[in-house]
Amino acid sequence: MILPTKHIEAGRSIIGVGAALLSHLDHPWTITALWEKVRQLPQIGTFERFTLAIDFLYMIDAVEFNNGLLQRRSK
């Protein structure tokens, strides 16, 4: 589920969902506000997939969580 397979499209894999989330993280967001912004995107699908993608992005150090706000990690 992290990587696309012949049964899971690239956009619906955790990496694909993470890419969609990163494209919407143009400034810091609360988790709730980000969910409200992206929940209608077809690749996001469910809150479970949304949280798994955020967890994945945090594990690979692509995002950071400061003062209740999620933001892209600065280089």
PDB file of N, CA and C in Angstrom:
ATOM      1  N   MET A   1       0.817  -1.199   0.000  1.00  0.00           N
ATOM      2  CA  MET A   1       0.000   0.000   0.000  1.00  0.00           C
ATOM      3  C   MET A   1       0.859   1.260   0.000  1.00  0.00           C
ATOM      4  N   ILE A   2       2.092   1.166   0.473  1.00  0.00           N
ATOM      5  CA  ILE A   2       2.959   2.346   0.432  1.00  0.00           C
ATOM      6  C   ILE A   2       3.339   2.649  -1.006  1.00  0.00           C
ATOM      7  N   LEU A   3       3.745   1.622  -1.724  1.00  0.00           N
ATOM      8  CA  LEU A   3       4.123   1.768  -3.128  1.00  0.00           C
ATOM      9  C   LEU A   3       2.987   1.297  -4.025  1.00  0.00           C
ATOM     10  N   PRO A   4       2.913   1.848  -5.241  1.00  0.00           N
ATOM     11  CA  PRO A   4       1.889   1.358  -6.161  1.00  0.00           C
ATOM     12  C   PRO A   4       2.190  -0.075  -6.610  1.00  0.00           C
ATOM     13  N   THR A   5       1.162  -0.818  -6.899  1.00  0.00           N
ATOM     14  CA  THR A   5       1.282  -2.173  -7.430  1.00  0.00           C
ATOM     15  C   THR A   5       0.338  -2.281  -8.615  1.00  0.00           C
ATOM     16  N   LYS A   6       0.205  -3.475  -9.149  1.00  0.00           N
ATOM     17  CA  LYS A   6      -0.736  -3.631 -10.267  1.00  0.00           C
ATOM     18  C   LYS A   6      -2.181  -3.501  -9.795  1.00  0.00           C
ATOM     19  N   HIS A   7      -2.416  -3.614  -8.480  1.00  0.00           N
ATOM     20  CA  HIS A   7      -3.767  -3.486  -7.938  1.00  0.00           C
ATOM     21  C   HIS A   7      -4.029  -2.128  -7.293  1.00  0.00           C
ATOM     22  N   ILE A   8      -2.967  -1.364  -7.029  1.00  0.00           N
ATOM     23  CA  ILE A   8      -3.104  -0.048  -6.402  1.00  0.00           C
ATOM     24  C   ILE A   8      -2.494   0.993  -7.333  1.00  0.00           C
ATOM     25  N   GLU A   9      -3.299   1.948  -7.769  1.00  0.00           N
ATOM     26  CA  GLU A   9      -2.820   3.014  -8.648  1.00  0.00           C
ATOM     27  C   GLU A   9      -1.797   3.874  -7.914  1.00  0.00           C
ATOM     28  N   ALA A  10      -0.910   4.508  -8.669  1.00  0.00           N
ATOM     29  CA  ALA A  10       0.127   5.349  -8.069  1.00  0.00           C
ATOM     30  C   ALA A  10      -0.481   6.471  -7.225  1.00  0.00           C
ATOM     31  N   GLY A  11      -1.542   7.080  -7.702  1.00  0.00           N
ATOM     32  CA  GLY A  11      -2.176   8.174  -6.969  1.00  0.00           C
ATOM     33  C   GLY A  11      -2.858   7.752  -5.686  1.00  0.00           C
ATOM     34  N   ARG A  12      -3.203   6.489  -5.575  1.00  0.00           N
ATOM     35  CA  ARG A  12      -3.889   6.004  -4.380  1.00  0.00           C
ATOM     36  C   ARG A  12      -2.958   5.294  -3.404  1.00  0.00           C
ATOM     37  N   SER A  13      -1.688   5.154  -3.764  1.00  0.00           N
ATOM     38  CA  SER A  13      -0.721   4.595  -2.824  1.00  0.00           C
ATOM     39  C   SER A  13      -0.383   5.662  -1.786  1.00  0.00           C
ATOM     40  N   ILE A  14       0.240   5.266  -0.700  1.00  0.00           N
ATOM     41  CA  ILE A  14       0.584   6.227   0.348  1.00  0.00           C
ATOM     42  C   ILE A  14       1.546   7.279  -0.199  1.00  0.00           C
ATOM     43  N   ILE A  15       2.466   6.876  -1.058  1.00  0.00           N
ATOM     44  CA  ILE A  15       3.379   7.849  -1.665  1.00  0.00           C
ATOM     45  C   ILE A  15       2.603   8.839  -2.531  1.00  0.00           C
ATOM     46  N   GLY A  16       1.643   8.368  -3.287  1.00  0.00           N
ATOM     47  CA  GLY A  16       0.829   9.247  -4.124  1.00  0.00           C
ATOM     48  C   GLY A  16      -0.021  10.200  -3.315  1.00  0.00           C
ATOM     49  N   VAL A  17      -0.621   9.699  -2.245  1.00  0.00           N
ATOM     50  CA  VAL A  17      -1.420  10.556  -1.369  1.00  0.00           C
ATOM     51  C   VAL A  17      -0.512  11.580  -0.697  1.00  0.00           C
ATOM     52  N   GLY A  18       0.680  11.148  -0.273  1.00  0.00           N
ATOM     53  CA  GLY A  18       1.640  12.073   0.331  1.00  0.00           C
ATOM     54  C   GLY A  18       2.034  13.179  -0.631  1.00  0.00           C
ATOM     55  N   ALA A  19       2.228  12.834  -1.897  1.00  0.00           N
ATOM     56  CA  ALA A  19       2.558  13.840  -2.904  1.00  0.00           C
ATOM     57  C   ALA A  19       1.422  14.853  -3.060  1.00  0.00           C
ATOM     58  N   ALA A  20       0.195  14.367  -3.043  1.00  0.00           N
ATOM     59  CA  ALA A  20      -0.958  15.272  -3.131  1.00  0.00           C
ATOM     60  C   ALA A  20      -1.008  16.201  -1.913  1.00  0.00           C
ATOM     61  N   LEU A  21      -0.725  15.659  -0.734  1.00  0.00           N
ATOM     62  CA  LEU A  21      -0.723  16.491   0.466  1.00  0.00           C
ATOM     63  C   LEU A  21       0.377  17.534   0.410  1.00  0.00           C
ATOM     64  N   LEU A  22       1.562  17.126  -0.023  1.00  0.00           N
ATOM     65  CA  LEU A  22       2.666  18.096  -0.119  1.00  0.00           C
ATOM     66  C   LEU A  22       2.340  19.228  -1.082  1.00  0.00           C
ATOM     67  N   SER A  23       1.619  18.929  -2.142  1.00  0.00           N
ATOM     68  CA  SER A  23       1.264  19.983  -3.090  1.00  0.00           C
ATOM     69  C   SER A  23       0.288  20.994  -2.487  1.00  0.00           C
ATOM     70  N   HIS A  24      -0.426  20.608  -1.429  1.00  0.00           N
ATOM     71  CA  HIS A  24      -1.364  21.520  -0.776  1.00  0.00           C
ATOM     72  C   HIS A  24      -0.778  22.186   0.471  1.00  0.00           C
ATOM     73  N   LEU A  25       0.416  21.813   0.845  1.00  0.00           N
ATOM     74  CA  LEU A  25       1.048  22.417   2.025  1.00  0.00           C
ATOM     75  C   LEU A  25       1.854  23.652   1.615  1.00  0.00           C
ATOM     76  N   ASP A  26       1.160  24.650   1.072  1.00  0.00           N
ATOM     77  CA  ASP A  26       1.816  25.876   0.648  1.00  0.00           C
ATOM     78  C   ASP A  26       2.138  26.800   1.816  1.00  0.00           C
ATOM     79  N   HIS A  27       1.491  26.603   2.926  1.00  0.00           N
ATOM     80  CA  HIS A  27       1.800  27.296   4.176  1.00  0.00           C
ATOM     81  C   HIS A  27       1.369  26.385   5.324  1.00  0.00           C
ATOM     82  N   PRO A  28       1.751  26.693   6.563  1.00  0.00           N
ATOM     83  CA  PRO A  28       1.382  25.807   7.683  1.00  0.00           C
ATOM     84  C   PRO A  28      -0.135  25.698   7.856  1.00  0.00           C
ATOM     85  N   TRP A  29      -0.582  24.463   8.141  1.00  0.00           N
ATOM     86  CA  TRP A  29      -2.002  24.176   8.343  1.00  0.00           C
ATOM     87  C   TRP A  29      -2.170  23.354   9.615  1.00  0.00           C
ATOM     88  N   THR A  30      -3.322  23.477  10.240  1.00  0.00           N
ATOM     89  CA  THR A  30      -3.673  22.516  11.279  1.00  0.00           C
ATOM     90  C   THR A  30      -4.090  21.244  10.554  1.00  0.00           C
ATOM     91  N   ILE A  31      -4.051  20.129  11.261  1.00  0.00           N
ATOM     92  CA  ILE A  31      -4.456  18.859  10.644  1.00  0.00           C
ATOM     93  C   ILE A  31      -5.909  18.938  10.188  1.00  0.00           C
ATOM     94  N   THR A  32      -6.759  19.518  11.018  1.00  0.00           N
ATOM     95  CA  THR A  32      -8.185  19.629  10.691  1.00  0.00           C
ATOM     96  C   THR A  32      -8.400  20.484   9.448  1.00  0.00           C
ATOM     97  N   ALA A  33      -7.715  21.625   9.375  1.00  0.00           N
ATOM     98  CA  ALA A  33      -7.883  22.505   8.216  1.00  0.00           C
ATOM     99  C   ALA A  33      -7.372  21.846   6.942  1.00  0.00           C
ATOM    100  N   LEU A  34      -6.251  21.139   7.037  1.00  0.00           N
ATOM    101  CA  LEU A  34      -5.726  20.444   5.861  1.00  0.00           C
ATOM    102  C   LEU A  34      -6.687  19.348   5.413  1.00  0.00           C
ATOM    103  N   TRP A  35      -7.237  18.607   6.371  1.00  0.00           N
ATOM    104  CA  TRP A  35      -8.218  17.566   6.033  1.00  0.00           C
ATOM    105  C   TRP A  35      -9.421  18.176   5.316  1.00  0.00           C
ATOM    106  N   GLU A  36      -9.917  19.288   5.825  1.00  0.00           N
ATOM    107  CA  GLU A  36     -11.074  19.934   5.191  1.00  0.00           C
ATOM    108  C   GLU A  36     -10.735  20.396   3.778  1.00  0.00           C
ATOM    109  N   LYS A  37      -9.496  20.803   3.554  1.00  0.00           N
ATOM    110  CA  LYS A  37      -9.083  21.275   2.240  1.00  0.00           C
ATOM    111  C   LYS A  37      -8.971  20.130   1.232  1.00  0.00           C
ATOM    112  N   VAL A  38      -8.470  18.971   1.660  1.00  0.00           N
ATOM    113  CA  VAL A  38      -8.158  17.900   0.707  1.00  0.00           C
ATOM    114  C   VAL A  38      -9.132  16.727   0.733  1.00  0.00           C
ATOM    115  N   ARG A  39     -10.082  16.728   1.599  1.00  0.00           N
ATOM    116  CA  ARG A  39     -10.945  15.549   1.771  1.00  0.00           C
ATOM    117  C   ARG A  39     -11.738  15.188   0.517  1.00  0.00           C
ATOM    118  N   GLN A  40     -11.997  16.119  -0.356  1.00  0.00           N
ATOM    119  CA  GLN A  40     -12.773  15.839  -1.567  1.00  0.00           C
ATOM    120  C   GLN A  40     -11.921  15.329  -2.729  1.00  0.00           C
ATOM    121  N   LEU A  41     -10.589  15.354  -2.563  1.00  0.00           N
ATOM    122  CA  LEU A  41      -9.727  14.847  -3.633  1.00  0.00           C
ATOM    123  C   LEU A  41      -9.907  13.335  -3.758  1.00  0.00           C
ATOM    124  N   PRO A  42     -10.059  12.824  -4.970  1.00  0.00           N
ATOM    125  CA  PRO A  42     -10.311  11.388  -5.135  1.00  0.00           C
ATOM    126  C   PRO A  42      -9.181  10.500  -4.625  1.00  0.00           C
ATOM    127  N   GLN A  43      -7.929  10.935  -4.724  1.00  0.00           N
ATOM    128  CA  GLN A  43      -6.826  10.096  -4.254  1.00  0.00           C
ATOM    129  C   GLN A  43      -6.729  10.044  -2.736  1.00  0.00           C
ATOM    130  N   ILE A  44      -7.274  11.009  -2.035  1.00  0.00           N
ATOM    131  CA  ILE A  44      -7.228  10.994  -0.569  1.00  0.00           C
ATOM    132  C   ILE A  44      -8.186   9.930  -0.041  1.00  0.00           C
ATOM    133  N   GLY A  45      -9.407   9.974  -0.493  1.00  0.00           N
ATOM    134  CA  GLY A  45     -10.359   8.925  -0.148  1.00  0.00           C
ATOM    135  C   GLY A  45     -10.850   8.951   1.284  1.00  0.00           C
ATOM    136  N   THR A  46     -10.085   8.424   2.212  1.00  0.00           N
ATOM    137  CA  THR A  46     -10.550   8.283   3.586  1.00  0.00           C
ATOM    138  C   THR A  46      -9.609   9.000   4.550  1.00  0.00           C
ATOM    139  N   PHE A  47     -10.116   9.246   5.745  1.00  0.00           N
ATOM    140  CA  PHE A  47      -9.297   9.879   6.775  1.00  0.00           C
ATOM    141  C   PHE A  47      -8.136   8.967   7.163  1.00  0.00           C
ATOM    142  N   GLU A  48      -8.363   7.662   7.104  1.00  0.00           N
ATOM    143  CA  GLU A  48      -7.296   6.709   7.423  1.00  0.00           C
ATOM    144  C   GLU A  48      -6.128   6.861   6.447  1.00  0.00           C
ATOM    145  N   ARG A  49      -6.418   6.938   5.170  1.00  0.00           N
ATOM    146  CA  ARG A  49      -5.358   7.102   4.174  1.00  0.00           C
ATOM    147  C   ARG A  49      -4.666   8.454   4.338  1.00  0.00           C
ATOM    148  N   PHE A  50      -5.438   9.483   4.670  1.00  0.00           N
ATOM    149  CA  PHE A  50      -4.893  10.821   4.945  1.00  0.00           C
ATOM    150  C   PHE A  50      -3.896  10.773   6.098  1.00  0.00           C
ATOM    151  N   THR A  51      -4.274  10.140   7.207  1.00  0.00           N
ATOM    152  CA  THR A  51      -3.374  10.087   8.365  1.00  0.00           C
ATOM    153  C   THR A  51      -2.162   9.194   8.101  1.00  0.00           C
ATOM    154  N   LEU A  52      -2.349   8.100   7.368  1.00  0.00           N
ATOM    155  CA  LEU A  52      -1.206   7.262   7.016  1.00  0.00           C
ATOM    156  C   LEU A  52      -0.200   8.035   6.161  1.00  0.00           C
ATOM    157  N   ALA A  53      -0.696   8.846   5.244  1.00  0.00           N
ATOM    158  CA  ALA A  53       0.197   9.639   4.394  1.00  0.00           C
ATOM    159  C   ALA A  53       0.932  10.695   5.212  1.00  0.00           C
ATOM    160  N   ILE A  54       0.242  11.331   6.147  1.00  0.00           N
ATOM    161  CA  ILE A  54       0.907  12.313   7.009  1.00  0.00           C
ATOM    162  C   ILE A  54       1.966  11.624   7.860  1.00  0.00           C
ATOM    163  N   ASP A  55       1.642  10.475   8.415  1.00  0.00           N
ATOM    164  CA  ASP A  55       2.631   9.717   9.188  1.00  0.00           C
ATOM    165  C   ASP A  55       3.844   9.373   8.331  1.00  0.00           C
ATOM    166  N   PHE A  56       3.605   8.924   7.114  1.00  0.00           N
ATOM    167  CA  PHE A  56       4.697   8.576   6.213  1.00  0.00           C
ATOM    168  C   PHE A  56       5.567   9.792   5.911  1.00  0.00           C
ATOM    169  N   LEU A  57       4.933  10.921   5.613  1.00  0.00           N
ATOM    170  CA  LEU A  57       5.688  12.140   5.317  1.00  0.00           C
ATOM    171  C   LEU A  57       6.513  12.579   6.534  1.00  0.00           C
ATOM    172  N   TYR A  58       5.971  12.388   7.717  1.00  0.00           N
ATOM    173  CA  TYR A  58       6.716  12.729   8.930  1.00  0.00           C
ATOM    174  C   TYR A  58       7.904  11.786   9.120  1.00  0.00           C
ATOM    175  N   MET A  59       7.700  10.513   8.854  1.00  0.00           N
ATOM    176  CA  MET A  59       8.778   9.531   9.019  1.00  0.00           C
ATOM    177  C   MET A  59       9.936   9.772   8.055  1.00  0.00           C
ATOM    178  N   ILE A  60       9.637  10.233   6.859  1.00  0.00           N
ATOM    179  CA  ILE A  60      10.718  10.486   5.902  1.00  0.00           C
ATOM    180  C   ILE A  60      11.222  11.928   5.994  1.00  0.00           C
ATOM    181  N   ASP A  61      10.760  12.650   7.006  1.00  0.00           N
ATOM    182  CA  ASP A  61      11.235  14.003   7.310  1.00  0.00           C
ATOM    183  C   ASP A  61      10.849  15.023   6.238  1.00  0.00           C
ATOM    184  N   ALA A  62       9.715  14.818   5.586  1.00  0.00           N
ATOM    185  CA  ALA A  62       9.242  15.751   4.569  1.00  0.00           C
ATOM    186  C   ALA A  62       8.376  16.859   5.168  1.00  0.00           C
ATOM    187  N   VAL A  63       7.793  16.594   6.340  1.00  0.00           N
ATOM    188  CA  VAL A  63       6.969  17.591   7.028  1.00  0.00           C
ATOM    189  C   VAL A  63       7.392  17.665   8.493  1.00  0.00           C
ATOM    190  N   GLU A  64       7.007  18.766   9.116  1.00  0.00           N
ATOM    191  CA  GLU A  64       7.252  18.903  10.549  1.00  0.00           C
ATOM    192  C   GLU A  64       5.997  19.459  11.200  1.00  0.00           C
ATOM    193  N   PHE A  65       5.873  19.217  12.474  1.00  0.00           N
ATOM    194  CA  PHE A  65       4.705  19.626  13.237  1.00  0.00           C
ATOM    195  C   PHE A  65       5.192  20.543  14.347  1.00  0.00           C
ATOM    196  N   ASN A  66       4.892  21.836  14.236  1.00  0.00           N
ATOM    197  CA  ASN A  66       5.328  22.815  15.225  1.00  0.00           C
ATOM    198  C   ASN A  66       4.154  23.664  15.677  1.00  0.00           C
ATOM    199  N   ASN A  67       4.001  23.790  16.982  1.00  0.00           N
ATOM    200  CA  ASN A  67       2.953  24.639  17.560  1.00  0.00           C
ATOM    201  C   ASN A  67       1.576  24.343  17.000  1.00  0.00           C
ATOM    202  N   GLY A  68       1.286  23.063  16.779  1.00  0.00           N
ATOM    203  CA  GLY A  68      -0.026  22.649  16.299  1.00  0.00           C
ATOM    204  C   GLY A  68      -0.236  22.807  14.807  1.00  0.00           C
ATOM    205  N   LEU A  69       0.824  23.145  14.067  1.00  0.00           N
ATOM    206  CA  LEU A  69       0.705  23.352  12.629  1.00  0.00           C
ATOM    207  C   LEU A  69       1.619  22.390  11.880  1.00  0.00           C
ATOM    208  N   LEU A  70       1.084  21.835  10.819  1.00  0.00           N
ATOM    209  CA  LEU A  70       1.841  20.954   9.944  1.00  0.00           C
ATOM    210  C   LEU A  70       2.374  21.786   8.791  1.00  0.00           C
ATOM    211  N   GLN A  71       3.660  21.641   8.506  1.00  0.00           N
ATOM    212  CA  GLN A  71       4.246  22.387   7.399  1.00  0.00           C
ATOM    213  C   GLN A  71       5.309  21.569   6.707  1.00  0.00           C
ATOM    214  N   ARG A  72       5.607  21.968   5.470  1.00  0.00           N
ATOM    215  CA  ARG A  72       6.697  21.305   4.737  1.00  0.00           C
ATOM    216  C   ARG A  72       7.995  21.570   5.477  1.00  0.00           C
ATOM    217  N   ARG A  73       8.847  20.607   5.499  1.00  0.00           N
ATOM    218  CA  ARG A  73      10.146  20.757   6.139  1.00  0.00           C
ATOM    219  C   ARG A  73      11.023  21.648   5.275  1.00  0.00           C
ATOM    220  N   SER A  74      11.622  22.640   5.890  1.00  0.00           N
ATOM    221  CA  SER A  74      12.519  23.528   5.149  1.00  0.00           C
ATOM    222  C   SER A  74      13.849  22.837   4.937  1.00  0.00           C
ATOM    223  N   LYS A  75      14.453  23.085   3.822  1.00  0.00           N
ATOM    224  CA  LYS A  75      15.714  22.405   3.484  1.00  0.00           C
ATOM    225  C   LYS A  75      16.885  22.986   4.207  1.00  0.00           C
TER     226      LYS A  75
END
